[in-house]
PDB file of N, CA and C in Angstrom:
ATOM      1  N   MET A   1     171.749 -93.683-105.723  1.00  0.00           N
ATOM      2  CA  MET A   1     170.511 -94.422-105.723  1.00  0.00           C
ATOM      3  C   MET A   1     169.406 -93.521-106.240  1.00  0.00           C
ATOM      4  N   GLY A   2     168.441 -94.134-106.826  1.00  0.00           N
ATOM      5  CA  GLY A   2     167.332 -93.375-107.364  1.00  0.00           C
ATOM      6  C   GLY A   2     166.081 -93.536-106.528  1.00  0.00           C
ATOM      7  N   ARG A   3     164.941 -93.533-107.200  1.00  0.00           N
ATOM      8  CA  ARG A   3     163.664 -93.563-106.495  1.00  0.00           C
ATOM      9  C   ARG A   3     163.397 -94.891-105.814  1.00  0.00           C
ATOM     10  N   VAL A   4     164.063 -95.974-106.242  1.00  0.00           N
ATOM     11  CA  VAL A   4     163.876 -97.276-105.598  1.00  0.00           C
ATOM     12  C   VAL A   4     164.896 -97.373-104.474  1.00  0.00           C
ATOM     13  N   SER A   5     164.560 -96.716-103.370  1.00  0.00           N
ATOM     14  CA  SER A   5     165.460 -96.651-102.228  1.00  0.00           C
ATOM     15  C   SER A   5     164.641 -96.394-100.968  1.00  0.00           C
ATOM     16  N   ARG A   6     165.344 -96.230 -99.878  1.00  0.00           N
ATOM     17  CA  ARG A   6     164.735 -95.902 -98.590  1.00  0.00           C
ATOM     18  C   ARG A   6     165.699 -95.011 -97.827  1.00  0.00           C
ATOM     19  N   PRO A   7     165.211 -94.260 -96.842  1.00  0.00           N
ATOM     20  CA  PRO A   7     166.109 -93.399 -96.073  1.00  0.00           C
ATOM     21  C   PRO A   7     167.282 -94.169 -95.443  1.00  0.00           C
ATOM     22  N   GLU A   8     167.069 -95.420 -95.071  1.00  0.00           N
ATOM     23  CA  GLU A   8     168.138 -96.205 -94.461  1.00  0.00           C
ATOM     24  C   GLU A   8     169.330 -96.395 -95.393  1.00  0.00           C
ATOM     25  N   LEU A   9     169.123 -96.233 -96.684  1.00  0.00           N
ATOM     26  CA  LEU A   9     170.177 -96.433 -97.671  1.00  0.00           C
ATOM     27  C   LEU A   9     170.753 -95.121 -98.197  1.00  0.00           C
ATOM     28  N   GLN A  10     170.244 -93.997 -97.721  1.00  0.00           N
ATOM     29  CA  GLN A  10     170.662 -92.681 -98.199  1.00  0.00           C
ATOM     30  C   GLN A  10     171.659 -92.033 -97.239  1.00  0.00           C
ATOM     31  N   PRO A  11     172.515 -91.146 -97.766  1.00  0.00           N
ATOM     32  CA  PRO A  11     173.418 -90.399 -96.883  1.00  0.00           C
ATOM     33  C   PRO A  11     172.617 -89.627 -95.829  1.00  0.00           C
ATOM     34  N   ASP A  12     173.029 -89.705 -94.612  1.00  0.00           N
ATOM     35  CA  ASP A  12     172.384 -89.003 -93.493  1.00  0.00           C
ATOM     36  C   ASP A  12     170.929 -89.403 -93.280  1.00  0.00           C
ATOM     37  N   GLY A  13     170.502 -90.536 -93.833  1.00  0.00           N
ATOM     38  CA  GLY A  13     169.130 -90.998 -93.631  1.00  0.00           C
ATOM     39  C   GLY A  13     168.083 -90.135 -94.308  1.00  0.00           C
ATOM     40  N   ALA A  14     168.480 -89.401 -95.332  1.00  0.00           N
ATOM     41  CA  ALA A  14     167.561 -88.497 -96.027  1.00  0.00           C
ATOM     42  C   ALA A  14     166.571 -89.279 -96.891  1.00  0.00           C
ATOM     43  N   GLN A  15     165.400 -88.706 -97.074  1.00  0.00           N
ATOM     44  CA  GLN A  15     164.396 -89.304 -97.948  1.00  0.00           C
ATOM     45  C   GLN A  15     164.866 -89.166 -99.396  1.00  0.00           C
ATOM     46  N   PRO A  16     164.750 -90.220-100.213  1.00  0.00           N
ATOM     47  CA  PRO A  16     165.156 -90.119-101.612  1.00  0.00           C
ATOM     48  C   PRO A  16     164.386 -89.009-102.339  1.00  0.00           C
ATOM     49  N   VAL A  17     165.065 -88.319-103.246  1.00  0.00           N
ATOM     50  CA  VAL A  17     164.417 -87.274-104.045  1.00  0.00           C
ATOM     51  C   VAL A  17     164.360 -87.712-105.503  1.00  0.00           C
ATOM     52  N   VAL A  18     163.310 -87.291-106.185  1.00  0.00           N
ATOM     53  CA  VAL A  18     163.056 -87.670-107.576  1.00  0.00           C
ATOM     54  C   VAL A  18     162.368 -86.507-108.291  1.00  0.00           C
ATOM     55  N   PRO A  19     162.259 -86.559-109.625  1.00  0.00           N
ATOM     56  CA  PRO A  19     161.553 -85.500-110.345  1.00  0.00           C
ATOM     57  C   PRO A  19     160.072 -85.410-109.972  1.00  0.00           C
ATOM     58  N   SER A  20     159.435 -86.544-109.701  1.00  0.00           N
ATOM     59  CA  SER A  20     158.028 -86.538-109.287  1.00  0.00           C
ATOM     60  C   SER A  20     157.823 -87.632-108.244  1.00  0.00           C
ATOM     61  N   ALA A  21     157.058 -87.325-107.226  1.00  0.00           N
ATOM     62  CA  ALA A  21     156.869 -88.231-106.089  1.00  0.00           C
ATOM     63  C   ALA A  21     155.868 -89.342-106.423  1.00  0.00           C
ATOM     64  N   ILE A  22     156.360 -90.377-107.052  1.00  0.00           N
ATOM     65  CA  ILE A  22     155.528 -91.535-107.383  1.00  0.00           C
ATOM     66  C   ILE A  22     156.140 -92.749-106.707  1.00  0.00           C
ATOM     67  N   GLN A  23     155.362 -93.409-105.861  1.00  0.00           N
ATOM     68  CA  GLN A  23     155.880 -94.551-105.118  1.00  0.00           C
ATOM     69  C   GLN A  23     156.000 -95.779-106.012  1.00  0.00           C
ATOM     70  N   PRO A  24     157.202 -96.338-106.136  1.00  0.00           N
ATOM     71  CA  PRO A  24     157.378 -97.562-106.910  1.00  0.00           C
ATOM     72  C   PRO A  24     156.719 -98.744-106.194  1.00  0.00           C
ATOM     73  N   GLU A  25     156.154 -99.648-106.945  1.00  0.00           N
ATOM     74  CA  GLU A  25     155.535-100.831-106.353  1.00  0.00           C
ATOM     75  C   GLU A  25     156.537-101.973-106.382  1.00  0.00           C
ATOM     76  N   THR A  26     157.517-101.872-105.483  1.00  0.00           N
ATOM     77  CA  THR A  26     158.565-102.877-105.404  1.00  0.00           C
ATOM     78  C   THR A  26     159.149-102.885-104.001  1.00  0.00           C
ATOM     79  N   GLN A  27     160.145-103.702-103.792  1.00  0.00           N
ATOM     80  CA  GLN A  27     160.815-103.786-102.501  1.00  0.00           C
ATOM     81  C   GLN A  27     162.311-103.641-102.712  1.00  0.00           C
ATOM     82  N   VAL A  28     163.007-103.366-101.620  1.00  0.00           N
ATOM     83  CA  VAL A  28     164.449-103.198-101.643  1.00  0.00           C
ATOM     84  C   VAL A  28     165.036-103.941-100.446  1.00  0.00           C
ATOM     85  N   PHE A  29     166.246-104.475-100.592  1.00  0.00           N
ATOM     86  CA  PHE A  29     166.912-105.192 -99.514  1.00  0.00           C
ATOM     87  C   PHE A  29     167.604-104.188 -98.609  1.00  0.00           C
ATOM     88  N   ILE A  30     167.314-104.258 -97.303  1.00  0.00           N
ATOM     89  CA  ILE A  30     167.926-103.356 -96.329  1.00  0.00           C
ATOM     90  C   ILE A  30     169.070-104.048 -95.592  1.00  0.00           C
ATOM     91  N   SER A  31     168.781-105.180 -94.967  1.00  0.00           N
ATOM     92  CA  SER A  31     169.794-105.903 -94.204  1.00  0.00           C
ATOM     93  C   SER A  31     169.344-107.345 -94.017  1.00  0.00           C
ATOM     94  N   GLY A  32     170.227-108.163 -93.473  1.00  0.00           N
ATOM     95  CA  GLY A  32     169.879-109.549 -93.201  1.00  0.00           C
ATOM     96  C   GLY A  32     168.755-109.682 -92.197  1.00  0.00           C
ATOM     97  N   GLU A  33     168.674-108.746 -91.262  1.00  0.00           N
ATOM     98  CA  GLU A  33     167.611-108.785 -90.246  1.00  0.00           C
ATOM     99  C   GLU A  33     166.252-108.412 -90.821  1.00  0.00           C
ATOM    100  N   SER A  34     166.215-107.322 -91.581  1.00  0.00           N
ATOM    101  CA  SER A  34     164.922-106.849 -92.096  1.00  0.00           C
ATOM    102  C   SER A  34     164.578-107.442 -93.457  1.00  0.00           C
ATOM    103  N   GLY A  35     165.598-107.869 -94.201  1.00  0.00           N
ATOM    104  CA  GLY A  35     165.345-108.461 -95.519  1.00  0.00           C
ATOM    105  C   GLY A  35     164.754-107.460 -96.496  1.00  0.00           C
ATOM    106  N   MET A  36     163.805-107.932 -97.293  1.00  0.00           N
ATOM    107  CA  MET A  36     163.161-107.079 -98.293  1.00  0.00           C
ATOM    108  C   MET A  36     162.045-106.263 -97.636  1.00  0.00           C
ATOM    109  N   VAL A  37     162.035-104.963 -97.915  1.00  0.00           N
ATOM    110  CA  VAL A  37     161.011-104.077 -97.360  1.00  0.00           C
ATOM    111  C   VAL A  37     160.432-103.220 -98.483  1.00  0.00           C
ATOM    112  N   ASP A  38     159.210-102.745 -98.300  1.00  0.00           N
ATOM    113  CA  ASP A  38     158.567-101.897 -99.297  1.00  0.00           C
ATOM    114  C   ASP A  38     159.342-100.598 -99.480  1.00  0.00           C
ATOM    115  N   VAL A  39     159.372-100.118-100.703  1.00  0.00           N
ATOM    116  CA  VAL A  39     159.978 -98.828-101.010  1.00  0.00           C
ATOM    117  C   VAL A  39     158.982 -97.753-100.592  1.00  0.00           C
ATOM    118  N   LEU A  40     159.479 -96.701 -99.943  1.00  0.00           N
ATOM    119  CA  LEU A  40     158.623 -95.595 -99.532  1.00  0.00           C
ATOM    120  C   LEU A  40     158.460 -94.596-100.676  1.00  0.00           C
ATOM    121  N   GLU A  41     157.436 -93.766-100.581  1.00  0.00           N
ATOM    122  CA  GLU A  41     157.248 -92.728-101.593  1.00  0.00           C
ATOM    123  C   GLU A  41     158.371 -91.711-101.468  1.00  0.00           C
ATOM    124  N   PRO A  42     159.130 -91.473-102.544  1.00  0.00           N
ATOM    125  CA  PRO A  42     160.188 -90.461-102.490  1.00  0.00           C
ATOM    126  C   PRO A  42     159.573 -89.071-102.532  1.00  0.00           C
ATOM    127  N   ARG A  43     160.357 -88.074-102.207  1.00  0.00           N
ATOM    128  CA  ARG A  43     159.832 -86.707-102.284  1.00  0.00           C
ATOM    129  C   ARG A  43     160.290 -86.058-103.574  1.00  0.00           C
ATOM    130  N   ALA A  44     159.454 -85.187-104.096  1.00  0.00           N
ATOM    131  CA  ALA A  44     159.794 -84.475-105.323  1.00  0.00           C
ATOM    132  C   ALA A  44     160.901 -83.469-105.046  1.00  0.00           C
ATOM    133  N   LEU A  45     161.847 -83.368-105.954  1.00  0.00           N
ATOM    134  CA  LEU A  45     162.937 -82.414-105.842  1.00  0.00           C
ATOM    135  C   LEU A  45     162.386 -81.012-106.057  1.00  0.00           C
ATOM    136  N   GLU A  46     162.716 -80.096-105.165  1.00  0.00           N
ATOM    137  CA  GLU A  46     162.278 -78.700-105.290  1.00  0.00           C
ATOM    138  C   GLU A  46     163.162 -77.985-106.302  1.00  0.00           C
ATOM    139  N   ALA A  47     162.607 -77.025-107.021  1.00  0.00           N
ATOM    140  CA  ALA A  47     163.339 -76.311-108.068  1.00  0.00           C
ATOM    141  C   ALA A  47     164.636 -75.699-107.533  1.00  0.00           C
ATOM    142  N   GLU A  48     164.608 -75.150-106.334  1.00  0.00           N
ATOM    143  CA  GLU A  48     165.812 -74.510-105.786  1.00  0.00           C
ATOM    144  C   GLU A  48     166.889 -75.525-105.390  1.00  0.00           C
ATOM    145  N   GLU A  49     166.544 -76.814-105.350  1.00  0.00           N
ATOM    146  CA  GLU A  49     167.528 -77.858-105.029  1.00  0.00           C
ATOM    147  C   GLU A  49     168.290 -78.352-106.261  1.00  0.00           C
ATOM    148  N   ILE A  50     167.794 -78.058-107.443  1.00  0.00           N
ATOM    149  CA  ILE A  50     168.399 -78.573-108.674  1.00  0.00           C
ATOM    150  C   ILE A  50     169.887 -78.226-108.811  1.00  0.00           C
ATOM    151  N   PRO A  51     170.311 -76.976-108.556  1.00  0.00           N
ATOM    152  CA  PRO A  51     171.742 -76.682-108.686  1.00  0.00           C
ATOM    153  C   PRO A  51     172.628 -77.556-107.785  1.00  0.00           C
ATOM    154  N   GLY A  52     172.100 -78.026-106.684  1.00  0.00           N
ATOM    155  CA  GLY A  52     172.871 -78.859-105.781  1.00  0.00           C
ATOM    156  C   GLY A  52     173.057 -80.294-106.223  1.00  0.00           C
ATOM    157  N   VAL A  53     172.281 -80.744-107.223  1.00  0.00           N
ATOM    158  CA  VAL A  53     172.398 -82.123-107.697  1.00  0.00           C
ATOM    159  C   VAL A  53     172.917 -82.221-109.132  1.00  0.00           C
ATOM    160  N   VAL A  54     173.043 -81.079-109.813  1.00  0.00           N
ATOM    161  CA  VAL A  54     173.538 -81.073-111.191  1.00  0.00           C
ATOM    162  C   VAL A  54     175.020 -80.695-111.163  1.00  0.00           C
ATOM    163  N   GLU A  55     175.820 -81.489-111.845  1.00  0.00           N
ATOM    164  CA  GLU A  55     177.254 -81.189-111.893  1.00  0.00           C
ATOM    165  C   GLU A  55     177.556 -80.196-112.983  1.00  0.00           C
TER     166      GLU A  55
END
């Protein structure tokens, strides 16, 4: 998943990471109970984290 996500949809409930922390103006489906919810601002990926996400 990319920047259009939420911690509820990420492994271990982690905040989504992106190249730059810009909040998308959209919603994402979480579950039948909560339905569509606003996307939260993702956090910018730190330089030292890059080796962990590049194959």
